[in-house]
Amino acid sequence: MDVRKLQKVAVSALEDIKARDIDVINTTRISSLFDRIIIASADSARQTKSLARSVQDKVLAAGGRVIGMEGEETGDWIVVDLGDIVVHIMQPAVRTYYNLEELWSAKPAARKPSAATGG
């Protein structure tokens, strides 16, 4: 399946179950492992699980493939691997702590001077 169509299906599946703060990051220039990362927030473990199932079901129904899912046991952070796209569904505290948007942004973050470096 074309990556743009796969992205559209995944985002639609997240929107259907009311995911919040959906971000799509194009990683084609920084990783050869996948082309996109989709990050979404959920309010509870139950919602993260429902969102992950929605993504899985809609991708399969559209003719795509799901390579795997991890994190369903706790529901704090579920990863749905769609091959060209990796979907991260996280509760807000986990999302803030790991800050994947900064980690995967194409622009390097400005470093803050520290006392150790004399800055």
C-alpha atoms as a PDB file:
ATOM      1  CA  MET A   1       0.000   0.000   0.000  1.00  0.00           C
ATOM      2  CA  ASP A   2       1.228   3.517  -0.821  1.00  0.00           C
ATOM      3  CA  VAL A   3       2.592   5.304   2.263  1.00  0.00           C
ATOM      4  CA  ARG A   4       0.270   8.290   1.783  1.00  0.00           C
ATOM      5  CA  LYS A   5      -2.786   6.047   1.677  1.00  0.00           C
ATOM      6  CA  LEU A   6      -1.540   4.070   4.669  1.00  0.00           C
ATOM      7  CA  GLN A   7      -1.027   7.323   6.588  1.00  0.00           C
ATOM      8  CA  LYS A   8      -4.534   8.501   5.714  1.00  0.00           C
ATOM      9  CA  VAL A   9      -6.069   5.200   6.877  1.00  0.00           C
ATOM     10  CA  ALA A  10      -4.118   5.209  10.154  1.00  0.00           C
ATOM     11  CA  VAL A  11      -4.907   8.838  10.986  1.00  0.00           C
ATOM     12  CA  SER A  12      -8.581   8.281  10.149  1.00  0.00           C
ATOM     13  CA  ALA A  13      -8.665   5.251  12.460  1.00  0.00           C
ATOM     14  CA  LEU A  14      -7.202   7.367  15.268  1.00  0.00           C
ATOM     15  CA  GLU A  15      -9.656  10.205  14.661  1.00  0.00           C
ATOM     16  CA  ASP A  16     -12.603   7.784  14.720  1.00  0.00           C
ATOM     17  CA  ILE A  17     -11.826   6.844  18.341  1.00  0.00           C
ATOM     18  CA  LYS A  18     -11.104  10.468  19.355  1.00  0.00           C
ATOM     19  CA  ALA A  19      -7.304  10.372  19.671  1.00  0.00           C
ATOM     20  CA  ARG A  20      -5.856  13.725  20.666  1.00  0.00           C
ATOM     21  CA  ASP A  21      -2.834  15.662  19.420  1.00  0.00           C
ATOM     22  CA  ILE A  22      -2.141  13.509  16.365  1.00  0.00           C
ATOM     23  CA  ASP A  23       1.285  14.303  14.892  1.00  0.00           C
ATOM     24  CA  VAL A  24       2.737  12.845  11.706  1.00  0.00           C
ATOM     25  CA  ILE A  25       6.516  13.022  11.321  1.00  0.00           C
ATOM     26  CA  ASN A  26       8.161  12.339   7.969  1.00  0.00           C
ATOM     27  CA  THR A  27      11.299  10.321   8.724  1.00  0.00           C
ATOM     28  CA  THR A  28      12.424   9.522   5.181  1.00  0.00           C
ATOM     29  CA  ARG A  29      15.485  11.769   5.483  1.00  0.00           C
ATOM     30  CA  ILE A  30      16.563  10.580   8.913  1.00  0.00           C
ATOM     31  CA  SER A  31      15.849   6.831   8.903  1.00  0.00           C
ATOM     32  CA  SER A  32      15.733   4.046   6.380  1.00  0.00           C
ATOM     33  CA  LEU A  33      13.650   1.870   8.724  1.00  0.00           C
ATOM     34  CA  PHE A  34      10.301   3.571   8.074  1.00  0.00           C
ATOM     35  CA  ASP A  35       8.883   6.611   6.292  1.00  0.00           C
ATOM     36  CA  ARG A  36       6.534   8.059   8.901  1.00  0.00           C
ATOM     37  CA  ILE A  37       5.888   8.103  12.617  1.00  0.00           C
ATOM     38  CA  ILE A  38       2.400   8.888  13.833  1.00  0.00           C
ATOM     39  CA  ILE A  39       2.051   9.887  17.480  1.00  0.00           C
ATOM     40  CA  ALA A  40      -1.309  10.231  19.210  1.00  0.00           C
ATOM     41  CA  SER A  41      -2.500  10.727  22.776  1.00  0.00           C
ATOM     42  CA  ALA A  42      -5.223   8.820  24.600  1.00  0.00           C
ATOM     43  CA  ASP A  43      -6.852   9.528  27.947  1.00  0.00           C
ATOM     44  CA  SER A  44      -6.762   6.017  29.381  1.00  0.00           C
ATOM     45  CA  ALA A  45      -5.379   2.524  28.916  1.00  0.00           C
ATOM     46  CA  ARG A  46      -8.758   1.458  27.572  1.00  0.00           C
ATOM     47  CA  GLN A  47      -8.629   4.181  24.912  1.00  0.00           C
ATOM     48  CA  THR A  48      -5.031   3.370  23.878  1.00  0.00           C
ATOM     49  CA  LYS A  49      -6.085  -0.239  23.355  1.00  0.00           C
ATOM     50  CA  SER A  50      -9.187   0.794  21.375  1.00  0.00           C
ATOM     51  CA  LEU A  51      -7.116   3.128  19.213  1.00  0.00           C
ATOM     52  CA  ALA A  52      -4.547   0.424  18.484  1.00  0.00           C
ATOM     53  CA  ARG A  53      -7.290  -2.048  17.526  1.00  0.00           C
ATOM     54  CA  SER A  54      -8.938   0.587  15.325  1.00  0.00           C
ATOM     55  CA  VAL A  55      -5.676   1.233  13.467  1.00  0.00           C
ATOM     56  CA  GLN A  56      -5.076  -2.499  13.061  1.00  0.00           C
ATOM     57  CA  ASP A  57      -8.608  -3.233  11.840  1.00  0.00           C
ATOM     58  CA  LYS A  58      -8.808  -0.321   9.368  1.00  0.00           C
ATOM     59  CA  VAL A  59      -5.367  -0.968   7.893  1.00  0.00           C
ATOM     60  CA  LEU A  60      -6.193  -4.640   7.350  1.00  0.00           C
ATOM     61  CA  ALA A  61      -9.592  -3.744   5.862  1.00  0.00           C
ATOM     62  CA  ALA A  62      -7.878  -1.354   3.435  1.00  0.00           C
ATOM     63  CA  GLY A  63      -5.553  -4.118   2.249  1.00  0.00           C
ATOM     64  CA  GLY A  64      -2.516  -3.113   4.308  1.00  0.00           C
ATOM     65  CA  ARG A  65      -0.520  -5.238   6.687  1.00  0.00           C
ATOM     66  CA  VAL A  66       0.203  -5.009  10.386  1.00  0.00           C
ATOM     67  CA  ILE A  67       3.610  -6.359  11.296  1.00  0.00           C
ATOM     68  CA  GLY A  68       3.025  -6.270  15.028  1.00  0.00           C
ATOM     69  CA  MET A  69       1.761  -4.498  18.127  1.00  0.00           C
ATOM     70  CA  GLU A  70       3.524  -4.011  21.453  1.00  0.00           C
ATOM     71  CA  GLY A  71       2.400  -2.580  24.780  1.00  0.00           C
ATOM     72  CA  GLU A  72      -1.157  -3.845  24.912  1.00  0.00           C
ATOM     73  CA  GLU A  73      -0.631  -5.361  28.360  1.00  0.00           C
ATOM     74  CA  THR A  74      -0.401  -2.034  30.198  1.00  0.00           C
ATOM     75  CA  GLY A  75      -1.908   0.367  27.670  1.00  0.00           C
ATOM     76  CA  ASP A  76       0.394   3.248  28.644  1.00  0.00           C
ATOM     77  CA  TRP A  77       2.173   3.199  25.274  1.00  0.00           C
ATOM     78  CA  ILE A  78       1.171   0.982  22.378  1.00  0.00           C
ATOM     79  CA  VAL A  79       3.237   0.733  19.204  1.00  0.00           C
ATOM     80  CA  VAL A  80       1.571  -0.460  15.990  1.00  0.00           C
ATOM     81  CA  ASP A  81       4.124  -1.402  13.325  1.00  0.00           C
ATOM     82  CA  LEU A  82       2.705  -0.980   9.828  1.00  0.00           C
ATOM     83  CA  GLY A  83       6.040  -1.383   8.042  1.00  0.00           C
ATOM     84  CA  ASP A  84       6.450   2.010   6.370  1.00  0.00           C
ATOM     85  CA  ILE A  85       4.672   3.712   9.278  1.00  0.00           C
ATOM     86  CA  VAL A  86       5.040   3.212  13.024  1.00  0.00           C
ATOM     87  CA  VAL A  87       2.111   4.416  15.134  1.00  0.00           C
ATOM     88  CA  HIS A  88       2.736   5.377  18.778  1.00  0.00           C
ATOM     89  CA  ILE A  89      -0.371   5.706  20.960  1.00  0.00           C
ATOM     90  CA  MET A  90       0.527   7.117  24.349  1.00  0.00           C
ATOM     91  CA  GLN A  91      -1.031   8.445  27.496  1.00  0.00           C
ATOM     92  CA  PRO A  92      -0.095  12.119  28.027  1.00  0.00           C
ATOM     93  CA  ALA A  93       2.434  11.614  30.858  1.00  0.00           C
ATOM     94  CA  VAL A  94       4.312   8.975  28.865  1.00  0.00           C
ATOM     95  CA  ARG A  95       4.238  11.136  25.742  1.00  0.00           C
ATOM     96  CA  THR A  96       5.623  14.122  27.613  1.00  0.00           C
ATOM     97  CA  TYR A  97       8.350  12.050  29.279  1.00  0.00           C
ATOM     98  CA  TYR A  98       9.673  10.403  26.086  1.00  0.00           C
ATOM     99  CA  ASN A  99       9.063  13.428  23.807  1.00  0.00           C
ATOM    100  CA  LEU A 100       9.298  11.461  20.552  1.00  0.00           C
ATOM    101  CA  GLU A 101       8.490  14.565  18.516  1.00  0.00           C
ATOM    102  CA  GLU A 102      11.805  16.122  19.506  1.00  0.00           C
ATOM    103  CA  LEU A 103      13.696  12.853  19.157  1.00  0.00           C
ATOM    104  CA  TRP A 104      12.491  12.307  15.579  1.00  0.00           C
ATOM    105  CA  SER A 105      12.370  15.883  14.327  1.00  0.00           C
ATOM    106  CA  ALA A 106      14.533  16.559  11.290  1.00  0.00           C
ATOM    107  CA  LYS A 107      16.067  19.636  12.909  1.00  0.00           C
ATOM    108  CA  PRO A 108      18.481  19.010  15.782  1.00  0.00           C
ATOM    109  CA  ALA A 109      17.328  20.604  18.998  1.00  0.00           C
ATOM    110  CA  ALA A 110      19.358  23.505  20.287  1.00  0.00           C
ATOM    111  CA  ARG A 111      21.525  22.444  23.178  1.00  0.00           C
ATOM    112  CA  LYS A 112      21.186  24.382  26.381  1.00  0.00           C
ATOM    113  CA  PRO A 113      24.467  25.470  27.923  1.00  0.00           C
ATOM    114  CA  SER A 114      25.219  23.691  31.152  1.00  0.00           C
ATOM    115  CA  ALA A 115      27.313  24.605  34.145  1.00  0.00           C
ATOM    116  CA  ALA A 116      29.677  21.720  33.281  1.00  0.00           C
ATOM    117  CA  THR A 117      30.529  23.261  29.895  1.00  0.00           C
ATOM    118  CA  GLY A 118      30.892  26.755  31.252  1.00  0.00           C
ATOM    119  CA  GLY A 119      27.754  27.974  29.457  1.00  0.00           C
END
